[in-house]
């Protein structure tokens, strides 16, 4: 039997970034439903933008 190819470090990084973006988007939707303060919503949105920037900048 052949071995399954191991994901490269960049692929692992991208998967972690995508998972974090998904988690933050879920957290944002939950926060909006719970009527959290605007400051908290801005913090979450800023973190999402940061991670989306990481995702774009790491593509070659």
N, C-alpha and C. Protein backbone atom coordinates (compact mmCIF):
# COMPACT_ATOMS: atom_id res chain seq x y z
N UNK A 1 0.84 -1.19 0.00
CA UNK A 1 0.00 0.00 0.00
C UNK A 1 0.88 1.25 0.00
N UNK A 2 0.45 2.23 -0.75
CA UNK A 2 1.19 3.48 -0.80
C UNK A 2 0.85 4.38 0.37
N UNK A 3 1.78 5.20 0.72
CA UNK A 3 1.54 6.15 1.81
C UNK A 3 0.77 7.35 1.27
N UNK A 4 -0.09 7.89 2.10
CA UNK A 4 -0.81 9.09 1.72
C UNK A 4 0.15 10.27 1.75
N UNK A 5 0.06 11.15 0.77
CA UNK A 5 0.95 12.31 0.78
C UNK A 5 0.66 13.21 1.97
N UNK A 6 1.70 13.66 2.61
CA UNK A 6 1.55 14.55 3.76
C UNK A 6 1.37 15.98 3.26
N UNK A 7 0.46 16.73 3.89
CA UNK A 7 0.28 18.11 3.45
C UNK A 7 1.52 18.94 3.73
N UNK A 8 1.81 19.84 2.85
CA UNK A 8 2.96 20.73 3.04
C UNK A 8 2.65 21.73 4.13
N UNK A 9 3.69 22.34 4.62
CA UNK A 9 3.55 23.30 5.71
C UNK A 9 2.62 24.45 5.31
N UNK A 10 2.76 24.95 4.07
CA UNK A 10 1.91 26.05 3.63
C UNK A 10 0.45 25.61 3.59
N UNK A 11 0.19 24.39 3.15
CA UNK A 11 -1.18 23.89 3.11
C UNK A 11 -1.76 23.80 4.51
N UNK A 12 -0.96 23.35 5.47
CA UNK A 12 -1.42 23.28 6.86
C UNK A 12 -1.73 24.67 7.37
N UNK A 13 -0.86 25.63 7.03
CA UNK A 13 -1.07 27.02 7.45
C UNK A 13 -2.36 27.55 6.86
N UNK A 14 -2.58 27.31 5.56
CA UNK A 14 -3.79 27.81 4.89
C UNK A 14 -5.03 27.17 5.49
N UNK A 15 -4.96 25.88 5.81
CA UNK A 15 -6.11 25.22 6.43
C UNK A 15 -6.41 25.83 7.79
N UNK A 16 -5.38 26.12 8.55
CA UNK A 16 -5.59 26.75 9.87
C UNK A 16 -6.21 28.13 9.72
N UNK A 17 -5.75 28.88 8.73
CA UNK A 17 -6.29 30.23 8.50
C UNK A 17 -7.76 30.13 8.09
N UNK A 18 -8.08 29.21 7.19
CA UNK A 18 -9.47 29.05 6.75
C UNK A 18 -10.36 28.64 7.91
N UNK A 19 -9.88 27.74 8.75
CA UNK A 19 -10.66 27.31 9.91
C UNK A 19 -10.88 28.47 10.87
N UNK A 20 -9.86 29.28 11.07
CA UNK A 20 -9.98 30.43 11.97
C UNK A 20 -10.96 31.46 11.41
N UNK A 21 -10.93 31.68 10.10
CA UNK A 21 -11.88 32.61 9.48
C UNK A 21 -13.30 32.09 9.66
N UNK A 22 -13.50 30.80 9.44
CA UNK A 22 -14.83 30.22 9.62
C UNK A 22 -15.30 30.35 11.06
N UNK A 23 -14.39 30.11 11.99
CA UNK A 23 -14.74 30.20 13.41
C UNK A 23 -15.12 31.64 13.77
N UNK A 24 -14.33 32.60 13.27
CA UNK A 24 -14.61 34.00 13.57
C UNK A 24 -15.91 34.47 12.93
N UNK A 25 -16.20 34.00 11.71
CA UNK A 25 -17.47 34.38 11.07
C UNK A 25 -18.65 33.82 11.85
N UNK A 26 -18.50 32.60 12.37
CA UNK A 26 -19.56 32.02 13.20
C UNK A 26 -19.70 32.83 14.48
N UNK A 27 -18.58 33.18 15.09
CA UNK A 27 -18.59 33.97 16.31
C UNK A 27 -19.25 35.33 16.06
N UNK A 28 -18.99 35.92 14.90
CA UNK A 28 -19.59 37.21 14.54
C UNK A 28 -21.10 37.08 14.41
N UNK A 29 -21.56 36.03 13.75
CA UNK A 29 -23.01 35.86 13.59
C UNK A 29 -23.68 35.62 14.94
N UNK A 30 -23.03 34.86 15.81
CA UNK A 30 -23.57 34.63 17.15
C UNK A 30 -23.60 35.93 17.95
N UNK A 31 -22.56 36.73 17.80
CA UNK A 31 -22.49 38.00 18.53
C UNK A 31 -23.56 38.97 18.04
N UNK A 32 -23.80 38.98 16.72
CA UNK A 32 -24.85 39.85 16.18
C UNK A 32 -26.22 39.43 16.71
N UNK A 33 -26.45 38.13 16.79
CA UNK A 33 -27.73 37.63 17.30
C UNK A 33 -27.89 37.93 18.79
N UNK A 34 -26.78 37.99 19.51
CA UNK A 34 -26.83 38.22 20.96
C UNK A 34 -26.80 39.71 21.31
N UNK A 35 -26.80 40.56 20.29
CA UNK A 35 -26.78 42.02 20.50
C UNK A 35 -25.58 42.47 21.34
N UNK A 36 -24.41 42.07 20.92
CA UNK A 36 -23.17 42.45 21.60
C UNK A 36 -22.83 43.89 21.23
N UNK A 37 -22.01 44.53 22.03
CA UNK A 37 -21.65 45.93 21.79
C UNK A 37 -20.94 46.08 20.44
N UNK A 38 -21.04 47.28 19.89
CA UNK A 38 -20.39 47.57 18.60
C UNK A 38 -18.88 47.39 18.67
N UNK A 39 -18.31 47.70 19.81
CA UNK A 39 -16.86 47.55 19.97
C UNK A 39 -16.44 46.09 19.81
N UNK A 40 -17.20 45.18 20.39
CA UNK A 40 -16.88 43.75 20.27
C UNK A 40 -17.05 43.29 18.82
N UNK A 41 -18.11 43.77 18.16
CA UNK A 41 -18.32 43.40 16.76
C UNK A 41 -17.17 43.90 15.89
N UNK A 42 -16.70 45.11 16.15
CA UNK A 42 -15.58 45.65 15.38
C UNK A 42 -14.31 44.83 15.59
N UNK A 43 -14.09 44.39 16.82
CA UNK A 43 -12.90 43.57 17.10
C UNK A 43 -12.94 42.29 16.27
N UNK A 44 -14.10 41.64 16.25
CA UNK A 44 -14.22 40.39 15.50
C UNK A 44 -14.04 40.65 14.01
N UNK A 45 -14.66 41.71 13.49
CA UNK A 45 -14.54 42.03 12.07
C UNK A 45 -13.10 42.35 11.70
N UNK A 46 -12.40 43.04 12.58
CA UNK A 46 -10.99 43.37 12.34
C UNK A 46 -10.15 42.10 12.28
N UNK A 47 -10.41 41.17 13.18
CA UNK A 47 -9.66 39.91 13.17
C UNK A 47 -9.94 39.12 11.89
N UNK A 48 -11.19 39.14 11.42
CA UNK A 48 -11.53 38.45 10.17
C UNK A 48 -10.75 39.07 9.02
N UNK A 49 -10.72 40.41 8.95
CA UNK A 49 -9.97 41.09 7.88
C UNK A 49 -8.49 40.74 7.94
N UNK A 50 -7.96 40.67 9.15
CA UNK A 50 -6.55 40.32 9.32
C UNK A 50 -6.27 38.93 8.77
N UNK A 51 -7.10 37.95 9.13
CA UNK A 51 -6.88 36.59 8.65
C UNK A 51 -7.11 36.48 7.15
N UNK A 52 -8.07 37.22 6.61
CA UNK A 52 -8.27 37.19 5.16
C UNK A 52 -7.07 37.80 4.45
N UNK A 53 -6.45 38.80 5.04
CA UNK A 53 -5.24 39.38 4.49
C UNK A 53 -4.09 38.38 4.50
N UNK A 54 -3.99 37.59 5.57
CA UNK A 54 -2.96 36.55 5.64
C UNK A 54 -3.17 35.53 4.53
N UNK A 55 -4.43 35.18 4.32
CA UNK A 55 -4.74 34.18 3.30
C UNK A 55 -4.33 34.68 1.92
N UNK A 56 -4.61 35.95 1.63
CA UNK A 56 -4.28 36.50 0.31
C UNK A 56 -2.78 36.69 0.15
N UNK A 57 -2.10 37.15 1.20
CA UNK A 57 -0.67 37.45 1.08
C UNK A 57 0.19 36.20 1.00
N UNK A 58 -0.31 35.07 1.46
CA UNK A 58 0.51 33.87 1.45
C UNK A 58 0.43 33.13 0.12
N UNK A 59 -0.48 33.54 -0.77
CA UNK A 59 -0.54 32.91 -2.09
C UNK A 59 0.58 33.46 -2.95
N UNK A 60 1.19 32.59 -3.70
CA UNK A 60 2.33 33.02 -4.53
C UNK A 60 1.91 33.10 -5.97
